[in-house]
Amino acid sequence: DVQLVESGGGSVQAGGSLRLSCAVSGYTSNTYCLGWFRQSPGKEREGVAAIYTGGGVRPDYATPVRGRFTLSLDNTDSTLYLQMDNLTPEDTAIYYCAAEPAIWSYDCYSGSHSPRSVWGQGTQVTVS
């Protein structure tokens, strides 16, 4: 089974940066949609960014983070990174890494998930 281990959360002042990491192991399908989601108190979980492991397409970003967050996948160590710059208090949330088998790249976009999705334990990001 796929396993996800997140790290890199913390507290930062507005305008600062953080980088989240998600170590992925146990792939059981050829291609996946890997992504980050976040959830703030009293709000529903929302997609932040996603990337298709089969390549050929750029990562997809949610509108609130486009231009400030950068998603990348290092295939050498199977780690998904989310570089977050110019953070605002509205970015405060628990951030979750997620993996879902995806045959086609068009099935992978920010916020896409299904009952087959596997979730990490979450990491807190606080911006003040």
C-alpha atoms as a PDB file:
ATOM      1  CA  ASP A   1       0.000   0.000   0.000  1.00  0.00           C
ATOM      2  CA  VAL A   2       1.056   3.576  -0.604  1.00  0.00           C
ATOM      3  CA  GLN A   3       2.376   5.358   2.458  1.00  0.00           C
ATOM      4  CA  LEU A   4       2.833   9.095   2.843  1.00  0.00           C
ATOM      5  CA  VAL A   5       4.916  10.859   5.474  1.00  0.00           C
ATOM      6  CA  GLU A   6       4.752  14.638   5.622  1.00  0.00           C
ATOM      7  CA  SER A   7       7.181  17.070   7.181  1.00  0.00           C
ATOM      8  CA  GLY A   8       8.138  20.718   7.045  1.00  0.00           C
ATOM      9  CA  GLY A   9       5.224  22.497   8.674  1.00  0.00           C
ATOM     10  CA  GLY A  10       5.696  25.242  11.220  1.00  0.00           C
ATOM     11  CA  SER A  11       5.051  28.856  12.070  1.00  0.00           C
ATOM     12  CA  VAL A  12       6.102  31.796   9.961  1.00  0.00           C
ATOM     13  CA  GLN A  13       5.313  35.470   9.645  1.00  0.00           C
ATOM     14  CA  ALA A  14       3.273  36.819   6.775  1.00  0.00           C
ATOM     15  CA  GLY A  15       5.391  37.174   3.674  1.00  0.00           C
ATOM     16  CA  GLY A  16       7.636  34.299   4.692  1.00  0.00           C
ATOM     17  CA  SER A  17       8.226  30.900   3.142  1.00  0.00           C
ATOM     18  CA  LEU A  18       7.973  27.247   4.089  1.00  0.00           C
ATOM     19  CA  ARG A  19       8.634  24.033   2.219  1.00  0.00           C
ATOM     20  CA  LEU A  20       6.562  20.947   2.873  1.00  0.00           C
ATOM     21  CA  SER A  21       7.818  17.469   2.048  1.00  0.00           C
ATOM     22  CA  CYS A  22       5.900  14.244   1.488  1.00  0.00           C
ATOM     23  CA  ALA A  23       7.864  11.011   1.277  1.00  0.00           C
ATOM     24  CA  VAL A  24       5.973   8.525  -0.885  1.00  0.00           C
ATOM     25  CA  SER A  25       6.525   4.776  -0.735  1.00  0.00           C
ATOM     26  CA  GLY A  26       4.748   1.558  -1.656  1.00  0.00           C
ATOM     27  CA  TYR A  27       3.541   2.425  -5.133  1.00  0.00           C
ATOM     28  CA  THR A  28       1.155  -0.260  -6.398  1.00  0.00           C
ATOM     29  CA  SER A  29       0.029   1.363  -9.653  1.00  0.00           C
ATOM     30  CA  ASN A  30       2.031   2.671 -12.614  1.00  0.00           C
ATOM     31  CA  THR A  31       0.898   6.276 -12.333  1.00  0.00           C
ATOM     32  CA  TYR A  32      -0.567   8.442  -9.600  1.00  0.00           C
ATOM     33  CA  CYS A  33      -1.990  11.831  -8.918  1.00  0.00           C
ATOM     34  CA  LEU A  34      -0.029  13.271  -6.000  1.00  0.00           C
ATOM     35  CA  GLY A  35      -1.266  16.382  -4.340  1.00  0.00           C
ATOM     36  CA  TRP A  36      -1.569  18.621  -1.342  1.00  0.00           C
ATOM     37  CA  PHE A  37      -4.774  19.593   0.397  1.00  0.00           C
ATOM     38  CA  ARG A  38      -5.399  21.859   3.346  1.00  0.00           C
ATOM     39  CA  GLN A  39      -8.055  22.319   5.960  1.00  0.00           C
ATOM     40  CA  SER A  40      -8.635  25.306   8.212  1.00  0.00           C
ATOM     41  CA  PRO A  41     -10.836  25.222  11.331  1.00  0.00           C
ATOM     42  CA  GLY A  42     -14.475  25.351  10.356  1.00  0.00           C
ATOM     43  CA  LYS A  43     -13.765  24.898   6.660  1.00  0.00           C
ATOM     44  CA  GLU A  44     -13.870  21.972   4.304  1.00  0.00           C
ATOM     45  CA  ARG A  45     -10.699  20.371   3.050  1.00  0.00           C
ATOM     46  CA  GLU A  46      -9.606  22.031  -0.182  1.00  0.00           C
ATOM     47  CA  GLY A  47      -7.155  21.121  -2.867  1.00  0.00           C
ATOM     48  CA  VAL A  48      -3.966  23.146  -3.125  1.00  0.00           C
ATOM     49  CA  ALA A  49      -1.931  21.592  -5.929  1.00  0.00           C
ATOM     50  CA  ALA A  50      -1.533  18.305  -7.790  1.00  0.00           C
ATOM     51  CA  ILE A  51       0.908  16.613 -10.125  1.00  0.00           C
ATOM     52  CA  TYR A  52       0.600  13.578 -12.394  1.00  0.00           C
ATOM     53  CA  THR A  53       3.489  11.138 -11.944  1.00  0.00           C
ATOM     54  CA  GLY A  54       3.292  10.013 -15.559  1.00  0.00           C
ATOM     55  CA  GLY A  55       4.806  13.313 -16.678  1.00  0.00           C
ATOM     56  CA  GLY A  56       3.992  15.408 -19.707  1.00  0.00           C
ATOM     57  CA  VAL A  57       1.875  17.962 -17.880  1.00  0.00           C
ATOM     58  CA  ARG A  58       2.528  20.789 -15.495  1.00  0.00           C
ATOM     59  CA  PRO A  59       1.288  20.774 -11.911  1.00  0.00           C
ATOM     60  CA  ASP A  60      -2.170  22.171 -11.342  1.00  0.00           C
ATOM     61  CA  TYR A  61      -2.736  24.817  -8.690  1.00  0.00           C
ATOM     62  CA  ALA A  62      -5.764  26.174  -6.885  1.00  0.00           C
ATOM     63  CA  THR A  63      -6.444  29.815  -7.647  1.00  0.00           C
ATOM     64  CA  PRO A  64      -5.600  31.142  -4.131  1.00  0.00           C
ATOM     65  CA  VAL A  65      -2.062  29.762  -4.284  1.00  0.00           C
ATOM     66  CA  ARG A  66      -1.213  30.125  -7.963  1.00  0.00           C
ATOM     67  CA  GLY A  67       1.946  32.154  -8.393  1.00  0.00           C
ATOM     68  CA  ARG A  68       2.983  31.721  -4.749  1.00  0.00           C
ATOM     69  CA  PHE A  69       3.242  27.942  -4.319  1.00  0.00           C
ATOM     70  CA  THR A  70       5.377  25.579  -6.376  1.00  0.00           C
ATOM     71  CA  LEU A  71       4.806  21.831  -6.493  1.00  0.00           C
ATOM     72  CA  SER A  72       7.582  19.480  -7.527  1.00  0.00           C
ATOM     73  CA  LEU A  73       8.301  15.764  -7.496  1.00  0.00           C
ATOM     74  CA  ASP A  74      11.774  14.352  -6.994  1.00  0.00           C
ATOM     75  CA  ASN A  75      11.678  10.881  -8.509  1.00  0.00           C
ATOM     76  CA  THR A  76      15.136  10.005  -7.194  1.00  0.00           C
ATOM     77  CA  ASP A  77      13.850   9.794  -3.644  1.00  0.00           C
ATOM     78  CA  SER A  78      10.076   9.716  -4.296  1.00  0.00           C
ATOM     79  CA  THR A  79       9.438  12.940  -2.429  1.00  0.00           C
ATOM     80  CA  LEU A  80       6.765  15.490  -3.208  1.00  0.00           C
ATOM     81  CA  TYR A  81       7.634  19.068  -2.310  1.00  0.00           C
ATOM     82  CA  LEU A  82       5.414  22.109  -1.859  1.00  0.00           C
ATOM     83  CA  GLN A  83       7.373  25.356  -1.790  1.00  0.00           C
ATOM     84  CA  MET A  84       5.181  28.045  -0.277  1.00  0.00           C
ATOM     85  CA  ASP A  85       6.245  31.668  -0.705  1.00  0.00           C
ATOM     86  CA  ASN A  86       4.667  34.977   0.223  1.00  0.00           C
ATOM     87  CA  LEU A  87       2.515  33.266   2.816  1.00  0.00           C
ATOM     88  CA  THR A  88      -0.524  35.012   4.263  1.00  0.00           C
ATOM     89  CA  PRO A  89      -2.601  34.296   7.393  1.00  0.00           C
ATOM     90  CA  GLU A  90      -5.248  32.822   5.062  1.00  0.00           C
ATOM     91  CA  ASP A  91      -2.785  30.001   4.315  1.00  0.00           C
ATOM     92  CA  THR A  92      -2.941  28.836   7.924  1.00  0.00           C
ATOM     93  CA  ALA A  93      -4.218  25.257   7.910  1.00  0.00           C
ATOM     94  CA  ILE A  94      -3.320  21.633   8.339  1.00  0.00           C
ATOM     95  CA  TYR A  95      -1.761  20.488   5.086  1.00  0.00           C
ATOM     96  CA  TYR A  96      -2.264  16.924   3.881  1.00  0.00           C
ATOM     97  CA  CYS A  97      -0.428  15.003   1.218  1.00  0.00           C
ATOM     98  CA  ALA A  98      -2.555  12.649  -0.873  1.00  0.00           C
ATOM     99  CA  ALA A  99      -1.998   9.950  -3.480  1.00  0.00           C
ATOM    100  CA  GLU A 100      -4.517   8.444  -5.858  1.00  0.00           C
ATOM    101  CA  PRO A 101      -3.959   6.011  -8.719  1.00  0.00           C
ATOM    102  CA  ALA A 102      -4.549   7.903 -11.967  1.00  0.00           C
ATOM    103  CA  ILE A 103      -4.364   6.378 -15.425  1.00  0.00           C
ATOM    104  CA  TRP A 104      -4.821   9.641 -17.329  1.00  0.00           C
ATOM    105  CA  SER A 105      -3.276  13.034 -16.670  1.00  0.00           C
ATOM    106  CA  TYR A 106      -6.626  14.769 -17.111  1.00  0.00           C
ATOM    107  CA  ASP A 107      -7.881  12.902 -14.058  1.00  0.00           C
ATOM    108  CA  CYS A 108      -5.276  14.706 -11.957  1.00  0.00           C
ATOM    109  CA  TYR A 109      -5.988  18.267 -10.911  1.00  0.00           C
ATOM    110  CA  SER A 110      -5.958  20.335  -7.744  1.00  0.00           C
ATOM    111  CA  GLY A 111      -8.597  18.901  -5.452  1.00  0.00           C
ATOM    112  CA  SER A 112      -9.101  15.609  -7.251  1.00  0.00           C
ATOM    113  CA  HIS A 113      -9.557  12.657  -4.941  1.00  0.00           C
ATOM    114  CA  SER A 114     -11.618   9.523  -4.608  1.00  0.00           C
ATOM    115  CA  PRO A 115     -12.337   6.736  -2.104  1.00  0.00           C
ATOM    116  CA  ARG A 116      -9.087   5.188  -3.314  1.00  0.00           C
ATOM    117  CA  SER A 117      -7.058   8.195  -2.192  1.00  0.00           C
ATOM    118  CA  VAL A 118      -4.453   7.655   0.494  1.00  0.00           C
ATOM    119  CA  TRP A 119      -3.794  10.485   2.936  1.00  0.00           C
ATOM    120  CA  GLY A 120      -0.859  11.541   5.060  1.00  0.00           C
ATOM    121  CA  GLN A 121      -1.166  12.433   8.706  1.00  0.00           C
ATOM    122  CA  GLY A 122      -1.097  16.182   8.094  1.00  0.00           C
ATOM    123  CA  THR A 123       1.286  18.947   9.087  1.00  0.00           C
ATOM    124  CA  GLN A 124       0.343  22.269  10.641  1.00  0.00           C
ATOM    125  CA  VAL A 125       1.202  25.535   8.906  1.00  0.00           C
ATOM    126  CA  THR A 126       0.602  28.736  10.875  1.00  0.00           C
ATOM    127  CA  VAL A 127       1.084  32.191   9.373  1.00  0.00           C
ATOM    128  CA  SER A 128       0.818  35.228  11.619  1.00  0.00           C
END
